[in-house]
Amino acid sequence: MPSRRRVSVADGRAALTSWSTDPGTTDRSTTATAVRFTLEELGLRAPGRSVEVRVPPFGVVQCVEGLQHRRGTPPNVIETDAATWLALSVGHLSTADAAAAGALRVSGTRADLTAYLPLFPDTEG
């Protein structure tokens, strides 16, 4: 079943552009909207349930085709903070650099989003 959108595209793009323009001063609500929007977008672009992407405390999405996870700890998990996730989403940071800095925690053989990131490389900032 495909993901459904809870954050409108207009609100999500506005929040993402606001964050991208000045990440250090973006308020929590705008950051939360941008994170949720980008997670929803990832779920739409990479439907499936084999990888779980976590951005606490703002959201989580299961994505990427493959074996489905149903209970317990998923075998393929990607977890990061909001600033790192948004930087990955707009192309300000690569997954390799984020992982090398310890800001991106990855477990599982399928936990690789390089084919899907950045989601919005055209975002100003």
PDB file of N, CA and C in Angstrom:
ATOM      1  N   MET A   1       0.839  -1.178   0.000  1.00  0.00           N
ATOM      2  CA  MET A   1       0.000   0.000   0.000  1.00  0.00           C
ATOM      3  C   MET A   1       0.888   1.246   0.000  1.00  0.00           C
ATOM      4  N   PRO A   2       0.704   2.144  -0.977  1.00  0.00           N
ATOM      5  CA  PRO A   2       1.555   3.322  -1.049  1.00  0.00           C
ATOM      6  C   PRO A   2       1.304   4.274   0.122  1.00  0.00           C
ATOM      7  N   SER A   3       2.343   5.031   0.433  1.00  0.00           N
ATOM      8  CA  SER A   3       2.226   6.023   1.494  1.00  0.00           C
ATOM      9  C   SER A   3       1.236   7.088   1.078  1.00  0.00           C
ATOM     10  N   ARG A   4       0.602   7.691   2.061  1.00  0.00           N
ATOM     11  CA  ARG A   4      -0.267   8.815   1.742  1.00  0.00           C
ATOM     12  C   ARG A   4       0.332  10.067   2.350  1.00  0.00           C
ATOM     13  N   ARG A   5       0.054  11.178   1.728  1.00  0.00           N
ATOM     14  CA  ARG A   5       0.624  12.438   2.149  1.00  0.00           C
ATOM     15  C   ARG A   5      -0.177  13.062   3.290  1.00  0.00           C
ATOM     16  N   ARG A   6       0.524  13.450   4.352  1.00  0.00           N
ATOM     17  CA  ARG A   6      -0.103  14.173   5.465  1.00  0.00           C
ATOM     18  C   ARG A   6       0.294  15.639   5.442  1.00  0.00           C
ATOM     19  N   VAL A   7       1.461  15.912   4.867  1.00  0.00           N
ATOM     20  CA  VAL A   7       1.942  17.282   4.711  1.00  0.00           C
ATOM     21  C   VAL A   7       1.740  17.655   3.250  1.00  0.00           C
ATOM     22  N   SER A   8       1.057  18.781   3.011  1.00  0.00           N
ATOM     23  CA  SER A   8       0.836  19.184   1.618  1.00  0.00           C
ATOM     24  C   SER A   8       2.172  19.509   0.951  1.00  0.00           C
ATOM     25  N   VAL A   9       2.202  19.352  -0.355  1.00  0.00           N
ATOM     26  CA  VAL A   9       3.422  19.636  -1.106  1.00  0.00           C
ATOM     27  C   VAL A   9       3.823  21.098  -0.910  1.00  0.00           C
ATOM     28  N   ALA A  10       2.856  22.001  -0.957  1.00  0.00           N
ATOM     29  CA  ALA A  10       3.162  23.429  -0.795  1.00  0.00           C
ATOM     30  C   ALA A  10       3.760  23.714   0.578  1.00  0.00           C
ATOM     31  N   ASP A  11       3.147  23.191   1.629  1.00  0.00           N
ATOM     32  CA  ASP A  11       3.667  23.410   2.985  1.00  0.00           C
ATOM     33  C   ASP A  11       5.026  22.751   3.164  1.00  0.00           C
ATOM     34  N   GLY A  12       5.188  21.556   2.620  1.00  0.00           N
ATOM     35  CA  GLY A  12       6.451  20.843   2.739  1.00  0.00           C
ATOM     36  C   GLY A  12       7.578  21.547   2.016  1.00  0.00           C
ATOM     37  N   ARG A  13       7.315  21.986   0.785  1.00  0.00           N
ATOM     38  CA  ARG A  13       8.352  22.695   0.013  1.00  0.00           C
ATOM     39  C   ARG A  13       8.719  24.013   0.689  1.00  0.00           C
ATOM     40  N   ALA A  14       7.714  24.713   1.225  1.00  0.00           N
ATOM     41  CA  ALA A  14       7.986  25.981   1.906  1.00  0.00           C
ATOM     42  C   ALA A  14       8.860  25.750   3.142  1.00  0.00           C
ATOM     43  N   ALA A  15       8.548  24.726   3.912  1.00  0.00           N
ATOM     44  CA  ALA A  15       9.335  24.413   5.110  1.00  0.00           C
ATOM     45  C   ALA A  15      10.754  23.996   4.721  1.00  0.00           C
ATOM     46  N   LEU A  16      10.874  23.185   3.688  1.00  0.00           N
ATOM     47  CA  LEU A  16      12.185  22.725   3.244  1.00  0.00           C
ATOM     48  C   LEU A  16      13.030  23.885   2.712  1.00  0.00           C
ATOM     49  N   THR A  17      12.418  24.776   1.967  1.00  0.00           N
ATOM     50  CA  THR A  17      13.130  25.948   1.450  1.00  0.00           C
ATOM     51  C   THR A  17      13.557  26.858   2.597  1.00  0.00           C
ATOM     52  N   SER A  18      12.679  27.044   3.573  1.00  0.00           N
ATOM     53  CA  SER A  18      13.018  27.856   4.747  1.00  0.00           C
ATOM     54  C   SER A  18      14.198  27.257   5.491  1.00  0.00           C
ATOM     55  N   TRP A  19      14.170  25.949   5.709  1.00  0.00           N
ATOM     56  CA  TRP A  19      15.282  25.284   6.399  1.00  0.00           C
ATOM     57  C   TRP A  19      16.564  25.406   5.587  1.00  0.00           C
ATOM     58  N   SER A  20      16.478  25.179   4.293  1.00  0.00           N
ATOM     59  CA  SER A  20      17.654  25.184   3.426  1.00  0.00           C
ATOM     60  C   SER A  20      18.297  26.565   3.345  1.00  0.00           C
ATOM     61  N   THR A  21      17.492  27.600   3.423  1.00  0.00           N
ATOM     62  CA  THR A  21      17.989  28.962   3.348  1.00  0.00           C
ATOM     63  C   THR A  21      18.822  29.328   4.568  1.00  0.00           C
ATOM     64  N   ASP A  22      18.371  28.899   5.752  1.00  0.00           N
ATOM     65  CA  ASP A  22      19.099  29.222   6.980  1.00  0.00           C
ATOM     66  C   ASP A  22      18.857  28.145   8.038  1.00  0.00           C
ATOM     67  N   PRO A  23      19.545  26.995   7.916  1.00  0.00           N
ATOM     68  CA  PRO A  23      19.297  25.855   8.811  1.00  0.00           C
ATOM     69  C   PRO A  23      19.456  26.165  10.289  1.00  0.00           C
ATOM     70  N   GLY A  24      20.341  27.064  10.631  1.00  0.00           N
ATOM     71  CA  GLY A  24      20.617  27.346  12.044  1.00  0.00           C
ATOM     72  C   GLY A  24      19.530  28.108  12.766  1.00  0.00           C
ATOM     73  N   THR A  25      18.651  28.776  12.026  1.00  0.00           N
ATOM     74  CA  THR A  25      17.626  29.596  12.685  1.00  0.00           C
ATOM     75  C   THR A  25      16.201  29.082  12.453  1.00  0.00           C
ATOM     76  N   THR A  26      16.045  27.976  11.797  1.00  0.00           N
ATOM     77  CA  THR A  26      14.706  27.446  11.517  1.00  0.00           C
ATOM     78  C   THR A  26      14.083  26.921  12.809  1.00  0.00           C
ATOM     79  N   ASP A  27      12.822  27.298  13.047  1.00  0.00           N
ATOM     80  CA  ASP A  27      12.157  26.857  14.274  1.00  0.00           C
ATOM     81  C   ASP A  27      11.791  25.377  14.207  1.00  0.00           C
ATOM     82  N   ARG A  28      11.478  24.815  15.359  1.00  0.00           N
ATOM     83  CA  ARG A  28      11.202  23.382  15.485  1.00  0.00           C
ATOM     84  C   ARG A  28      10.014  22.942  14.621  1.00  0.00           C
ATOM     85  N   SER A  29       8.974  23.738  14.574  1.00  0.00           N
ATOM     86  CA  SER A  29       7.780  23.384  13.802  1.00  0.00           C
ATOM     87  C   SER A  29       8.096  23.302  12.301  1.00  0.00           C
ATOM     88  N   THR A  30       8.848  24.248  11.801  1.00  0.00           N
ATOM     89  CA  THR A  30       9.230  24.247  10.388  1.00  0.00           C
ATOM     90  C   THR A  30      10.137  23.062  10.082  1.00  0.00           C
ATOM     91  N   THR A  31      11.079  22.800  10.984  1.00  0.00           N
ATOM     92  CA  THR A  31      11.964  21.643  10.807  1.00  0.00           C
ATOM     93  C   THR A  31      11.155  20.351  10.788  1.00  0.00           C
ATOM     94  N   ALA A  32      10.207  20.225  11.715  1.00  0.00           N
ATOM     95  CA  ALA A  32       9.365  19.021  11.780  1.00  0.00           C
ATOM     96  C   ALA A  32       8.577  18.842  10.483  1.00  0.00           C
ATOM     97  N   THR A  33       8.015  19.918   9.972  1.00  0.00           N
ATOM     98  CA  THR A  33       7.257  19.847   8.715  1.00  0.00           C
ATOM     99  C   THR A  33       8.161  19.427   7.566  1.00  0.00           C
ATOM    100  N   ALA A  34       9.356  19.998   7.496  1.00  0.00           N
ATOM    101  CA  ALA A  34      10.293  19.658   6.418  1.00  0.00           C
ATOM    102  C   ALA A  34      10.706  18.191   6.501  1.00  0.00           C
ATOM    103  N   VAL A  35      10.997  17.701   7.707  1.00  0.00           N
ATOM    104  CA  VAL A  35      11.390  16.301   7.878  1.00  0.00           C
ATOM    105  C   VAL A  35      10.252  15.374   7.478  1.00  0.00           C
ATOM    106  N   ARG A  36       9.064  15.642   7.972  1.00  0.00           N
ATOM    107  CA  ARG A  36       7.916  14.770   7.652  1.00  0.00           C
ATOM    108  C   ARG A  36       7.621  14.771   6.156  1.00  0.00           C
ATOM    109  N   PHE A  37       7.707  15.934   5.549  1.00  0.00           N
ATOM    110  CA  PHE A  37       7.480  16.036   4.107  1.00  0.00           C
ATOM    111  C   PHE A  37       8.494  15.208   3.322  1.00  0.00           C
ATOM    112  N   THR A  38       9.766  15.316   3.674  1.00  0.00           N
ATOM    113  CA  THR A  38      10.792  14.580   2.934  1.00  0.00           C
ATOM    114  C   THR A  38      10.700  13.078   3.184  1.00  0.00           C
ATOM    115  N   LEU A  39      10.324  12.679   4.381  1.00  0.00           N
ATOM    116  CA  LEU A  39      10.123  11.247   4.639  1.00  0.00           C
ATOM    117  C   LEU A  39       8.945  10.713   3.817  1.00  0.00           C
ATOM    118  N   GLU A  40       7.866  11.489   3.757  1.00  0.00           N
ATOM    119  CA  GLU A  40       6.722  11.083   2.930  1.00  0.00           C
ATOM    120  C   GLU A  40       7.133  10.984   1.465  1.00  0.00           C
ATOM    121  N   GLU A  41       7.910  11.940   1.012  1.00  0.00           N
ATOM    122  CA  GLU A  41       8.370  11.928  -0.387  1.00  0.00           C
ATOM    123  C   GLU A  41       9.223  10.698  -0.664  1.00  0.00           C
ATOM    124  N   LEU A  42      10.100  10.356   0.259  1.00  0.00           N
ATOM    125  CA  LEU A  42      10.913   9.150   0.099  1.00  0.00           C
ATOM    126  C   LEU A  42      10.016   7.916   0.003  1.00  0.00           C
ATOM    127  N   GLY A  43       9.004   7.844   0.848  1.00  0.00           N
ATOM    128  CA  GLY A  43       8.073   6.716   0.813  1.00  0.00           C
ATOM    129  C   GLY A  43       7.332   6.602  -0.511  1.00  0.00           C
ATOM    130  N   LEU A  44       7.040   7.738  -1.127  1.00  0.00           N
ATOM    131  CA  LEU A  44       6.361   7.731  -2.424  1.00  0.00           C
ATOM    132  C   LEU A  44       7.311   7.362  -3.562  1.00  0.00           C
ATOM    133  N   ARG A  45       8.542   7.828  -3.492  1.00  0.00           N
ATOM    134  CA  ARG A  45       9.517   7.564  -4.558  1.00  0.00           C
ATOM    135  C   ARG A  45      10.136   6.172  -4.466  1.00  0.00           C
ATOM    136  N   ALA A  46      10.192   5.623  -3.266  1.00  0.00           N
ATOM    137  CA  ALA A  46      10.795   4.303  -3.057  1.00  0.00           C
ATOM    138  C   ALA A  46       9.831   3.442  -2.241  1.00  0.00           C
ATOM    139  N   PRO A  47       8.681   3.095  -2.828  1.00  0.00           N
ATOM    140  CA  PRO A  47       7.694   2.332  -2.069  1.00  0.00           C
ATOM    141  C   PRO A  47       8.220   0.958  -1.675  1.00  0.00           C
ATOM    142  N   GLY A  48       7.783   0.499  -0.541  1.00  0.00           N
ATOM    143  CA  GLY A  48       8.189  -0.802  -0.035  1.00  0.00           C
ATOM    144  C   GLY A  48       8.281  -0.777   1.474  1.00  0.00           C
ATOM    145  N   ARG A  49       8.766  -1.875   2.042  1.00  0.00           N
ATOM    146  CA  ARG A  49       8.840  -1.954   3.491  1.00  0.00           C
ATOM    147  C   ARG A  49      10.103  -2.681   3.962  1.00  0.00           C
ATOM    148  N   SER A  50      11.157  -2.652   3.146  1.00  0.00           N
ATOM    149  CA  SER A  50      12.353  -3.394   3.530  1.00  0.00           C
ATOM    150  C   SER A  50      13.378  -2.555   4.290  1.00  0.00           C
ATOM    151  N   VAL A  51      13.262  -1.223   4.237  1.00  0.00           N
ATOM    152  CA  VAL A  51      14.178  -0.333   4.944  1.00  0.00           C
ATOM    153  C   VAL A  51      13.362   0.643   5.776  1.00  0.00           C
ATOM    154  N   GLU A  52      13.789   0.849   7.006  1.00  0.00           N
ATOM    155  CA  GLU A  52      13.126   1.827   7.866  1.00  0.00           C
ATOM    156  C   GLU A  52      14.064   3.004   8.062  1.00  0.00           C
ATOM    157  N   VAL A  53      13.574   4.203   7.760  1.00  0.00           N
ATOM    158  CA  VAL A  53      14.349   5.426   7.934  1.00  0.00           C
ATOM    159  C   VAL A  53      13.748   6.169   9.129  1.00  0.00           C
ATOM    160  N   ARG A  54      14.596   6.426  10.120  1.00  0.00           N
ATOM    161  CA  ARG A  54      14.162   7.076  11.360  1.00  0.00           C
ATOM    162  C   ARG A  54      14.844   8.427  11.520  1.00  0.00           C
ATOM    163  N   VAL A  55      14.028   9.442  11.797  1.00  0.00           N
ATOM    164  CA  VAL A  55      14.540  10.777  12.095  1.00  0.00           C
ATOM    165  C   VAL A  55      13.851  11.242  13.373  1.00  0.00           C
ATOM    166  N   PRO A  56      14.337  10.750  14.526  1.00  0.00           N
ATOM    167  CA  PRO A  56      13.683  11.096  15.783  1.00  0.00           C
ATOM    168  C   PRO A  56      13.913  12.569  16.135  1.00  0.00           C
ATOM    169  N   PRO A  57      12.948  13.221  16.731  1.00  0.00           N
ATOM    170  CA  PRO A  57      11.643  12.717  17.146  1.00  0.00           C
ATOM    171  C   PRO A  57      10.550  12.996  16.124  1.00  0.00           C
ATOM    172  N   PHE A  58      10.942  13.344  14.891  1.00  0.00           N
ATOM    173  CA  PHE A  58       9.971  13.850  13.933  1.00  0.00           C
ATOM    174  C   PHE A  58       9.258  12.829  13.071  1.00  0.00           C
ATOM    175  N   GLY A  59       9.881  11.714  12.759  1.00  0.00           N
ATOM    176  CA  GLY A  59       9.178  10.776  11.904  1.00  0.00           C
ATOM    177  C   GLY A  59       9.983   9.554  11.529  1.00  0.00           C
ATOM    178  N   VAL A  60       9.278   8.647  10.866  1.00  0.00           N
ATOM    179  CA  VAL A  60       9.848   7.387  10.404  1.00  0.00           C
ATOM    180  C   VAL A  60       9.077   6.974   9.162  1.00  0.00           C
ATOM    181  N   VAL A  61       9.763   6.292   8.252  1.00  0.00           N
ATOM    182  CA  VAL A  61       9.091   5.761   7.068  1.00  0.00           C
ATOM    183  C   VAL A  61       9.721   4.424   6.711  1.00  0.00           C
ATOM    184  N   GLN A  62       8.890   3.516   6.246  1.00  0.00           N
ATOM    185  CA  GLN A  62       9.399   2.270   5.677  1.00  0.00           C
ATOM    186  C   GLN A  62       9.319   2.415   4.169  1.00  0.00           C
ATOM    187  N   CYS A  63      10.397   2.010   3.515  1.00  0.00           N
ATOM    188  CA  CYS A  63      10.484   2.222   2.076  1.00  0.00           C
ATOM    189  C   CYS A  63      11.362   1.156   1.433  1.00  0.00           C
ATOM    190  N   VAL A  64      11.533   1.232   0.164  1.00  0.00           N
ATOM    191  CA  VAL A  64      12.365   0.375  -0.681  1.00  0.00           C
ATOM    192  C   VAL A  64      11.772  -1.035  -0.792  1.00  0.00           C
ATOM    193  N   GLU A  65      11.586  -1.454  -2.022  1.00  0.00           N
ATOM    194  CA  GLU A  65      11.055  -2.796  -2.287  1.00  0.00           C
ATOM    195  C   GLU A  65      11.997  -3.868  -1.774  1.00  0.00           C
ATOM    196  N   GLY A  66      11.429  -4.990  -1.422  1.00  0.00           N
ATOM    197  CA  GLY A  66      12.208  -6.120  -0.928  1.00  0.00           C
ATOM    198  C   GLY A  66      11.412  -6.863   0.127  1.00  0.00           C
ATOM    199  N   LEU A  67      12.103  -7.677   0.888  1.00  0.00           N
ATOM    200  CA  LEU A  67      11.432  -8.403   1.955  1.00  0.00           C
ATOM    201  C   LEU A  67      10.809  -7.422   2.927  1.00  0.00           C
ATOM    202  N   GLN A  68       9.569  -7.693   3.316  1.00  0.00           N
ATOM    203  CA  GLN A  68       8.851  -6.799   4.206  1.00  0.00           C
ATOM    204  C   GLN A  68       9.138  -7.105   5.660  1.00  0.00           C
ATOM    205  N   HIS A  69       9.278  -6.040   6.422  1.00  0.00           N
ATOM    206  CA  HIS A  69       9.447  -6.175   7.857  1.00  0.00           C
ATOM    207  C   HIS A  69       8.084  -6.029   8.522  1.00  0.00           C
ATOM    208  N   ARG A  70       7.775  -6.900   9.496  1.00  0.00           N
ATOM    209  CA  ARG A  70       6.467  -6.837  10.133  1.00  0.00           C
ATOM    210  C   ARG A  70       6.515  -6.643  11.645  1.00  0.00           C
ATOM    211  N   ARG A  71       7.482  -7.230  12.347  1.00  0.00           N
ATOM    212  CA  ARG A  71       7.505  -7.129  13.806  1.00  0.00           C
ATOM    213  C   ARG A  71       8.932  -7.041  14.332  1.00  0.00           C
ATOM    214  N   GLY A  72       9.070  -6.404  15.502  1.00  0.00           N
ATOM    215  CA  GLY A  72      10.385  -6.322  16.121  1.00  0.00           C
ATOM    216  C   GLY A  72      11.280  -5.295  15.444  1.00  0.00           C
ATOM    217  N   THR A  73      12.549  -5.390  15.710  1.00  0.00           N
ATOM    218  CA  THR A  73      13.518  -4.467  15.128  1.00  0.00           C
ATOM    219  C   THR A  73      13.748  -4.825  13.665  1.00  0.00           C
ATOM    220  N   PRO A  74      13.583  -3.860  12.771  1.00  0.00           N
ATOM    221  CA  PRO A  74      13.797  -4.142  11.348  1.00  0.00           C
ATOM    222  C   PRO A  74      15.254  -4.497  11.062  1.00  0.00           C
ATOM    223  N   PRO A  75      15.498  -5.332  10.069  1.00  0.00           N
ATOM    224  CA  PRO A  75      16.869  -5.712   9.741  1.00  0.00           C
ATOM    225  C   PRO A  75      17.640  -4.615   9.006  1.00  0.00           C
ATOM    226  N   ASN A  76      16.944  -3.689   8.367  1.00  0.00           N
ATOM    227  CA  ASN A  76      17.581  -2.616   7.592  1.00  0.00           C
ATOM    228  C   ASN A  76      17.092  -1.269   8.114  1.00  0.00           C
ATOM    229  N   VAL A  77      17.961  -0.576   8.843  1.00  0.00           N
ATOM    230  CA  VAL A  77      17.576   0.671   9.491  1.00  0.00           C
ATOM    231  C   VAL A  77      18.583   1.762   9.166  1.00  0.00           C
ATOM    232  N   ILE A  78      18.057   2.937   8.897  1.00  0.00           N
ATOM    233  CA  ILE A  78      18.862   4.139   8.741  1.00  0.00           C
ATOM    234  C   ILE A  78      18.317   5.139   9.735  1.00  0.00           C
ATOM    235  N   GLU A  79      19.196   5.683  10.574  1.00  0.00           N
ATOM    236  CA  GLU A  79      18.749   6.642  11.576  1.00  0.00           C
ATOM    237  C   GLU A  79      19.689   7.834  11.602  1.00  0.00           C
ATOM    238  N   THR A  80      19.104   9.022  11.719  1.00  0.00           N
ATOM    239  CA  THR A  80      19.888  10.241  11.773  1.00  0.00           C
ATOM    240  C   THR A  80      19.082  11.344  12.433  1.00  0.00           C
ATOM    241  N   ASP A  81      19.723  12.471  12.675  1.00  0.00           N
ATOM    242  CA  ASP A  81      19.041  13.635  13.242  1.00  0.00           C
ATOM    243  C   ASP A  81      18.413  14.452  12.119  1.00  0.00           C
ATOM    244  N   ALA A  82      17.562  15.408  12.492  1.00  0.00           N
ATOM    245  CA  ALA A  82      16.819  16.194  11.512  1.00  0.00           C
ATOM    246  C   ALA A  82      17.737  17.000  10.587  1.00  0.00           C
ATOM    247  N   ALA A  83      18.735  17.667  11.149  1.00  0.00           N
ATOM    248  CA  ALA A  83      19.614  18.501  10.315  1.00  0.00           C
ATOM    249  C   ALA A  83      20.357  17.665   9.273  1.00  0.00           C
ATOM    250  N   THR A  84      20.838  16.506   9.682  1.00  0.00           N
ATOM    251  CA  THR A  84      21.541  15.630   8.740  1.00  0.00           C
ATOM    252  C   THR A  84      20.584  15.128   7.670  1.00  0.00           C
ATOM    253  N   TRP A  85      19.400  14.680   8.070  1.00  0.00           N
ATOM    254  CA  TRP A  85      18.425  14.180   7.111  1.00  0.00           C
ATOM    255  C   TRP A  85      18.058  15.239   6.076  1.00  0.00           C
ATOM    256  N   LEU A  86      17.804  16.448   6.540  1.00  0.00           N
ATOM    257  CA  LEU A  86      17.426  17.503   5.605  1.00  0.00           C
ATOM    258  C   LEU A  86      18.600  17.870   4.698  1.00  0.00           C
ATOM    259  N   ALA A  87      19.813  17.887   5.235  1.00  0.00           N
ATOM    260  CA  ALA A  87      20.991  18.155   4.399  1.00  0.00           C
ATOM    261  C   ALA A  87      21.159  17.070   3.329  1.00  0.00           C
ATOM    262  N   LEU A  88      20.894  15.829   3.677  1.00  0.00           N
ATOM    263  CA  LEU A  88      20.925  14.732   2.700  1.00  0.00           C
ATOM    264  C   LEU A  88      19.818  14.917   1.665  1.00  0.00           C
ATOM    265  N   SER A  89      18.646  15.334   2.114  1.00  0.00           N
ATOM    266  CA  SER A  89      17.477  15.471   1.237  1.00  0.00           C
ATOM    267  C   SER A  89      17.640  16.546   0.174  1.00  0.00           C
ATOM    268  N   VAL A  90      18.393  17.600   0.503  1.00  0.00           N
ATOM    269  CA  VAL A  90      18.570  18.684  -0.470  1.00  0.00           C
ATOM    270  C   VAL A  90      19.925  18.644  -1.166  1.00  0.00           C
ATOM    271  N   GLY A  91      20.768  17.684  -0.805  1.00  0.00           N
ATOM    272  CA  GLY A  91      22.040  17.525  -1.477  1.00  0.00           C
ATOM    273  C   GLY A  91      23.179  18.337  -0.888  1.00  0.00           C
ATOM    274  N   HIS A  92      23.010  18.883   0.309  1.00  0.00           N
ATOM    275  CA  HIS A  92      24.089  19.627   0.956  1.00  0.00           C
ATOM    276  C   HIS A  92      25.102  18.702   1.611  1.00  0.00           C
ATOM    277  N   LEU A  93      24.782  17.408   1.694  1.00  0.00           N
ATOM    278  CA  LEU A  93      25.627  16.425   2.356  1.00  0.00           C
ATOM    279  C   LEU A  93      25.441  15.085   1.658  1.00  0.00           C
ATOM    280  N   SER A  94      26.518  14.338   1.509  1.00  0.00           N
ATOM    281  CA  SER A  94      26.408  12.999   0.908  1.00  0.00           C
ATOM    282  C   SER A  94      26.246  11.965   2.014  1.00  0.00           C
ATOM    283  N   THR A  95      25.690  10.818   1.656  1.00  0.00           N
ATOM    284  CA  THR A  95      25.534   9.755   2.651  1.00  0.00           C
ATOM    285  C   THR A  95      26.897   9.281   3.148  1.00  0.00           C
ATOM    286  N   ALA A  96      27.898   9.251   2.288  1.00  0.00           N
ATOM    287  CA  ALA A  96      29.237   8.820   2.703  1.00  0.00           C
ATOM    288  C   ALA A  96      29.827   9.780   3.734  1.00  0.00           C
ATOM    289  N   ASP A  97      29.672  11.090   3.499  1.00  0.00           N
ATOM    290  CA  ASP A  97      30.193  12.075   4.445  1.00  0.00           C
ATOM    291  C   ASP A  97      29.440  12.034   5.771  1.00  0.00           C
ATOM    292  N   ALA A  98      28.119  11.859   5.696  1.00  0.00           N
ATOM    293  CA  ALA A  98      27.321  11.785   6.918  1.00  0.00           C
ATOM    294  C   ALA A  98      27.689  10.558   7.740  1.00  0.00           C
ATOM    295  N   ALA A  99      27.885   9.432   7.068  1.00  0.00           N
ATOM    296  CA  ALA A  99      28.272   8.201   7.767  1.00  0.00           C
ATOM    297  C   ALA A  99      29.671   8.341   8.360  1.00  0.00           C
ATOM    298  N   ALA A 100      30.594   8.925   7.611  1.00  0.00           N
ATOM    299  CA  ALA A 100      31.962   9.105   8.098  1.00  0.00           C
ATOM    300  C   ALA A 100      32.009  10.011   9.325  1.00  0.00           C
ATOM    301  N   ALA A 101      31.101  10.975   9.396  1.00  0.00           N
ATOM    302  CA  ALA A 101      31.045  11.895  10.526  1.00  0.00           C
ATOM    303  C   ALA A 101      30.302  11.289  11.722  1.00  0.00           C
ATOM    304  N   GLY A 102      29.730  10.118  11.520  1.00  0.00           N
ATOM    305  CA  GLY A 102      28.986   9.469  12.596  1.00  0.00           C
ATOM    306  C   GLY A 102      27.570  10.005  12.773  1.00  0.00           C
ATOM    307  N   ALA A 103      27.110  10.802  11.824  1.00  0.00           N
ATOM    308  CA  ALA A 103      25.774  11.388  11.913  1.00  0.00           C
ATOM    309  C   ALA A 103      24.697  10.517  11.274  1.00  0.00           C
ATOM    310  N   LEU A 104      25.104   9.477  10.570  1.00  0.00           N
ATOM    311  CA  LEU A 104      24.176   8.573   9.883  1.00  0.00           C
ATOM    312  C   LEU A 104      24.487   7.158  10.339  1.00  0.00           C
ATOM    313  N   ARG A 105      23.539   6.557  11.026  1.00  0.00           N
ATOM    314  CA  ARG A 105      23.713   5.188  11.508  1.00  0.00           C
ATOM    315  C   ARG A 105      22.942   4.246  10.587  1.00  0.00           C
ATOM    316  N   VAL A 106      23.664   3.282  10.028  1.00  0.00           N
ATOM    317  CA  VAL A 106      23.100   2.389   9.026  1.00  0.00           C
ATOM    318  C   VAL A 106      23.344   0.948   9.441  1.00  0.00           C
ATOM    319  N   SER A 107      22.297   0.129   9.381  1.00  0.00           N
ATOM    320  CA  SER A 107      22.464  -1.300   9.638  1.00  0.00           C
ATOM    321  C   SER A 107      21.640  -2.088   8.631  1.00  0.00           C
ATOM    322  N   GLY A 108      22.193  -3.185   8.178  1.00  0.00           N
ATOM    323  CA  GLY A 108      21.500  -4.034   7.214  1.00  0.00           C
ATOM    324  C   GLY A 108      22.070  -3.902   5.825  1.00  0.00           C
ATOM    325  N   THR A 109      21.943  -4.966   5.077  1.00  0.00           N
ATOM    326  CA  THR A 109      22.534  -5.007   3.736  1.00  0.00           C
ATOM    327  C   THR A 109      21.763  -4.166   2.718  1.00  0.00           C
ATOM    328  N   ARG A 110      20.496  -3.879   2.979  1.00  0.00           N
ATOM    329  CA  ARG A 110      19.691  -3.102   2.033  1.00  0.00           C
ATOM    330  C   ARG A 110      19.550  -1.636   2.431  1.00  0.00           C
ATOM    331  N   ALA A 111      20.171  -1.247   3.527  1.00  0.00           N
ATOM    332  CA  ALA A 111      20.025   0.110   4.055  1.00  0.00           C
ATOM    333  C   ALA A 111      20.938   1.083   3.310  1.00  0.00           C
ATOM    334  N   ASP A 112      20.591   1.365   2.063  1.00  0.00           N
ATOM    335  CA  ASP A 112      21.372   2.261   1.233  1.00  0.00           C
ATOM    336  C   ASP A 112      20.403   3.121   0.424  1.00  0.00           C
ATOM    337  N   LEU A 113      20.432   4.406   0.656  1.00  0.00           N
ATOM    338  CA  LEU A 113      19.507   5.317  -0.025  1.00  0.00           C
ATOM    339  C   LEU A 113      20.192   6.168  -1.090  1.00  0.00           C
ATOM    340  N   THR A 114      21.411   5.839  -1.457  1.00  0.00           N
ATOM    341  CA  THR A 114      22.137   6.676  -2.412  1.00  0.00           C
ATOM    342  C   THR A 114      21.420   6.807  -3.756  1.00  0.00           C
ATOM    343  N   ALA A 115      20.622   5.828  -4.119  1.00  0.00           N
ATOM    344  CA  ALA A 115      19.869   5.910  -5.381  1.00  0.00           C
ATOM    345  C   ALA A 115      18.707   6.903  -5.297  1.00  0.00           C
ATOM    346  N   TYR A 116      18.305   7.276  -4.091  1.00  0.00           N
ATOM    347  CA  TYR A 116      17.132   8.133  -3.899  1.00  0.00           C
ATOM    348  C   TYR A 116      17.471   9.532  -3.400  1.00  0.00           C
ATOM    349  N   LEU A 117      18.700   9.730  -2.943  1.00  0.00           N
ATOM    350  CA  LEU A 117      19.079  11.028  -2.373  1.00  0.00           C
ATOM    351  C   LEU A 117      20.035  11.742  -3.301  1.00  0.00           C
ATOM    352  N   PRO A 118      19.948  13.042  -3.437  1.00  0.00           N
ATOM    353  CA  PRO A 118      19.018  13.928  -2.743  1.00  0.00           C
ATOM    354  C   PRO A 118      17.617  13.876  -3.355  1.00  0.00           C
ATOM    355  N   LEU A 119      16.629  14.137  -2.538  1.00  0.00           N
ATOM    356  CA  LEU A 119      15.246  14.156  -2.985  1.00  0.00           C
ATOM    357  C   LEU A 119      14.914  15.460  -3.708  1.00  0.00           C
ATOM    358  N   PHE A 120      15.469  16.558  -3.216  1.00  0.00           N
ATOM    359  CA  PHE A 120      15.176  17.885  -3.758  1.00  0.00           C
ATOM    360  C   PHE A 120      16.473  18.671  -3.988  1.00  0.00           C
ATOM    361  N   PRO A 121      17.263  18.273  -4.983  1.00  0.00           N
ATOM    362  CA  PRO A 121      18.543  18.952  -5.206  1.00  0.00           C
ATOM    363  C   PRO A 121      18.396  20.394  -5.683  1.00  0.00           C
ATOM    364  N   ASP A 122      17.196  20.765  -6.108  1.00  0.00           N
ATOM    365  CA  ASP A 122      16.972  22.111  -6.643  1.00  0.00           C
ATOM    366  C   ASP A 122      16.604  23.116  -5.559  1.00  0.00           C
ATOM    367  N   THR A 123      16.520  22.689  -4.298  1.00  0.00           N
ATOM    368  CA  THR A 123      16.120  23.576  -3.215  1.00  0.00           C
ATOM    369  C   THR A 123      17.205  24.620  -2.982  1.00  0.00           C
ATOM    370  N   GLU A 124      16.770  25.875  -2.853  1.00  0.00           N
ATOM    371  CA  GLU A 124      17.705  26.994  -2.636  1.00  0.00           C
ATOM    372  C   GLU A 124      18.447  26.810  -1.325  1.00  0.00           C
ATOM    373  N   GLY A 125      19.633  27.347  -1.253  1.00  0.00           N
ATOM    374  CA  GLY A 125      20.348  27.336   0.017  1.00  0.00           C
ATOM    375  C   GLY A 125      21.814  27.302  -0.116  1.00  0.00           C
TER     376      GLY A 125
END
